[in-house]
Amino acid sequence: MEAVRTKMRAEAYPAEDPKTLPNPKDIINAFLLLKGEDSLDVSGKSIEAQ
């Protein structure tokens, strides 16, 4: 997984421009899909979140 704009990331990499990273709100749908019933039949696939 690529980096995501979080407070923890900013603390770990203070010189990194956070504007170059996706906001967690912009990628959450992929993770919610995997958590829900719509993904029960999903197996062996790569999910692109970013």
Protein backbone atom coordinates (compact mmCIF):
# COMPACT_ATOMS: atom_id res chain seq x y z
CA MET A 1 0.00 0.00 0.00
CA GLU A 2 1.10 3.48 -0.75
CA ALA A 3 1.34 6.23 1.84
CA VAL A 4 -1.76 8.07 3.07
CA ARG A 5 -2.00 11.57 4.55
CA THR A 6 -2.28 10.99 8.31
CA LYS A 7 -0.94 12.67 11.43
CA MET A 8 1.24 9.64 12.14
CA ARG A 9 2.72 9.80 8.62
CA ALA A 10 3.45 13.53 9.03
CA GLU A 11 5.23 12.87 12.33
CA ALA A 12 7.29 10.06 10.81
CA TYR A 13 8.19 12.01 7.65
CA PRO A 14 8.14 15.72 8.56
CA ALA A 15 9.88 16.84 5.35
CA GLU A 16 7.29 15.12 3.12
CA ASP A 17 4.69 17.34 1.44
CA PRO A 18 1.34 16.00 2.69
CA LYS A 19 -0.42 17.45 -0.35
CA THR A 20 1.23 14.74 -2.46
CA LEU A 21 -0.56 12.00 -0.48
CA PRO A 22 -4.19 10.93 -0.74
CA ASN A 23 -6.56 11.85 2.05
CA PRO A 24 -7.90 8.80 3.93
CA LYS A 25 -11.44 9.96 3.15
CA ASP A 26 -10.66 9.62 -0.57
CA ILE A 27 -9.72 5.93 -0.35
CA ILE A 28 -11.98 4.62 2.41
CA ASN A 29 -14.61 3.20 0.01
CA ALA A 30 -12.32 0.38 -1.11
CA PHE A 31 -11.82 -0.71 2.49
CA LEU A 32 -15.50 -0.42 3.35
CA LEU A 33 -16.29 -2.59 0.33
CA LEU A 34 -13.99 -5.31 1.63
CA LYS A 35 -15.54 -5.13 5.08
CA GLY A 36 -19.12 -5.44 3.82
CA GLU A 37 -21.26 -8.26 2.49
CA ASP A 38 -20.77 -7.11 -1.12
CA SER A 39 -17.26 -8.57 -1.04
CA LEU A 40 -18.07 -12.02 0.34
CA ASP A 41 -17.43 -13.57 -3.09
CA VAL A 42 -14.27 -11.54 -3.74
CA SER A 43 -11.22 -13.75 -3.50
CA GLY A 44 -7.75 -13.62 -5.00
CA LYS A 45 -8.18 -10.13 -6.41
CA SER A 46 -6.17 -6.97 -5.96
CA ILE A 47 -8.22 -3.95 -4.92
CA GLU A 48 -6.95 -0.56 -6.08
CA ALA A 49 -7.64 1.99 -3.37
CA GLN A 50 -5.56 4.87 -4.66
